[in-house]
Amino acid sequence: SRPKDGEPGPNNPAAEFTIKGGEKINLEIEGVESGATILWDLVVGGWEVTYWTEFDPSAGRSYTTVIDKRRKLCSSDEPGCNSFKASEAGKVVLIIDNTLSRKKKAATY
């Protein structure tokens, strides 16, 4: 969870995990309702990972939408932050790819 604007203090990770070398994971935020706004921050400890974000609608006739294009994130970078307002129900998927590196820690807020 993020602290409110102007409120001091560290963020509390919603999820913290280790990604092994050669591994790619999909972190799914399910139950996104139409009109909902989803916010996330992605932080890496270690060297670097590649990540991108997609929205997968619940309706079978709709297409997956790319929210964030593929980009590298290093521990020295600012957190990967973004938001998405859903026009229909579905899920947001953060894809974190560590296939080129050794194990890294990542946390989402």
Protein backbone atom coordinates (compact mmCIF):
# COMPACT_ATOMS: atom_id res chain seq x y z
CA SER A 1 0.00 0.00 0.00
CA ARG A 2 1.17 3.51 -0.73
CA PRO A 3 1.25 6.24 1.89
CA LYS A 4 -1.18 9.05 1.09
CA ASP A 5 0.24 12.14 -0.63
CA GLY A 6 2.12 14.26 1.87
CA GLU A 7 2.13 11.49 4.48
CA PRO A 8 5.63 10.44 5.56
CA GLY A 9 6.71 6.84 5.87
CA PRO A 10 7.75 3.89 3.73
CA ASN A 11 5.49 1.98 1.39
CA ASN A 12 4.32 -1.45 2.50
CA PRO A 13 4.75 -4.07 -0.23
CA ALA A 14 1.54 -5.72 -1.35
CA ALA A 15 3.64 -8.63 -2.59
CA GLU A 16 7.34 -9.43 -2.36
CA PHE A 17 8.89 -12.37 -4.15
CA THR A 18 12.09 -13.73 -5.65
CA ILE A 19 12.32 -14.42 -9.36
CA LYS A 20 14.83 -17.14 -10.23
CA GLY A 21 17.21 -16.81 -13.15
CA GLY A 22 15.58 -17.94 -16.37
CA GLU A 23 12.08 -17.42 -14.94
CA LYS A 24 9.17 -15.32 -16.19
CA ILE A 25 6.11 -14.74 -13.98
CA ASN A 26 2.66 -13.29 -14.53
CA LEU A 27 1.35 -11.28 -11.58
CA GLU A 28 -2.43 -11.09 -12.07
CA ILE A 29 -4.71 -8.46 -10.52
CA GLU A 30 -8.08 -10.13 -10.99
CA GLY A 31 -11.62 -8.88 -10.45
CA VAL A 32 -11.11 -5.50 -12.10
CA GLU A 33 -14.55 -4.00 -12.67
CA SER A 34 -15.59 -1.68 -15.49
CA GLY A 35 -14.68 1.91 -14.57
CA ALA A 36 -12.13 0.88 -11.90
CA THR A 37 -8.70 2.52 -11.83
CA ILE A 38 -5.78 0.25 -10.90
CA LEU A 39 -2.44 1.74 -9.75
CA TRP A 40 0.84 -0.13 -9.31
CA ASP A 41 4.54 0.41 -8.61
CA LEU A 42 7.18 -2.19 -9.43
CA VAL A 43 10.54 -2.09 -7.60
CA VAL A 44 13.55 -4.33 -8.27
CA GLY A 45 16.38 -5.23 -5.89
CA GLY A 46 19.47 -6.59 -7.64
CA TRP A 47 20.43 -6.06 -11.27
CA GLU A 48 17.57 -5.78 -13.76
CA VAL A 49 14.43 -7.42 -15.08
CA THR A 50 12.24 -6.76 -18.09
CA TYR A 51 8.54 -6.13 -17.56
CA TRP A 52 5.37 -5.17 -19.40
CA THR A 53 1.70 -4.88 -18.49
CA GLU A 54 -1.49 -6.03 -20.22
CA PHE A 55 -5.23 -5.84 -19.62
CA ASP A 56 -7.10 -9.06 -20.32
CA PRO A 57 -10.88 -8.43 -20.57
CA SER A 58 -13.33 -10.99 -19.21
CA ALA A 59 -15.48 -10.87 -22.35
CA GLY A 60 -14.28 -13.49 -24.81
CA ARG A 61 -14.93 -11.26 -27.80
CA SER A 62 -12.57 -8.48 -26.61
CA TYR A 63 -8.83 -8.28 -27.25
CA THR A 64 -5.94 -8.07 -24.78
CA THR A 65 -4.65 -4.48 -24.46
CA VAL A 66 -0.96 -3.64 -23.91
CA ILE A 67 -0.77 -1.05 -21.11
CA ASP A 68 3.04 -0.81 -20.78
CA LYS A 69 5.40 -1.83 -23.57
CA ARG A 70 8.36 -4.07 -22.67
CA ARG A 71 11.02 -2.17 -20.72
CA LYS A 72 14.01 -2.88 -18.48
CA LEU A 73 13.91 -1.99 -14.80
CA CYS A 74 17.11 -1.80 -12.71
CA SER A 75 17.48 -1.48 -8.95
CA SER A 76 18.92 2.03 -9.49
CA ASP A 77 15.86 3.14 -11.51
CA GLU A 78 12.79 4.87 -10.17
CA PRO A 79 9.94 2.38 -9.56
CA GLY A 80 7.97 1.28 -12.59
CA CYS A 81 4.70 3.16 -11.90
CA ASN A 82 1.51 3.26 -13.90
CA SER A 83 -2.25 3.20 -13.69
CA PHE A 84 -5.05 1.92 -15.90
CA LYS A 85 -8.76 2.73 -16.03
CA ALA A 86 -10.72 -0.30 -17.21
CA SER A 87 -13.47 0.29 -19.74
CA GLU A 88 -14.75 -3.24 -19.10
CA ALA A 89 -14.32 -6.03 -16.54
CA GLY A 90 -11.16 -8.13 -16.65
CA LYS A 91 -7.70 -8.45 -15.11
CA VAL A 92 -4.42 -6.55 -15.21
CA VAL A 93 -1.36 -8.75 -15.77
CA LEU A 94 2.18 -7.59 -14.92
CA ILE A 95 4.65 -9.84 -16.76
CA ILE A 96 8.11 -9.87 -15.14
CA ASP A 97 10.85 -11.53 -17.19
CA ASN A 98 14.15 -12.54 -15.57
CA THR A 99 15.30 -14.98 -18.26
CA LEU A 100 18.60 -13.13 -18.84
CA SER A 101 19.65 -12.59 -15.21
CA ARG A 102 20.33 -14.27 -11.88
CA LYS A 103 17.73 -14.14 -9.10
CA LYS A 104 16.26 -10.75 -8.23
CA LYS A 105 13.73 -9.49 -5.73
CA ALA A 106 10.70 -7.55 -6.86
CA ALA A 107 7.89 -5.95 -4.90
CA THR A 108 4.59 -4.50 -6.09
CA TYR A 109 2.75 -1.73 -4.28
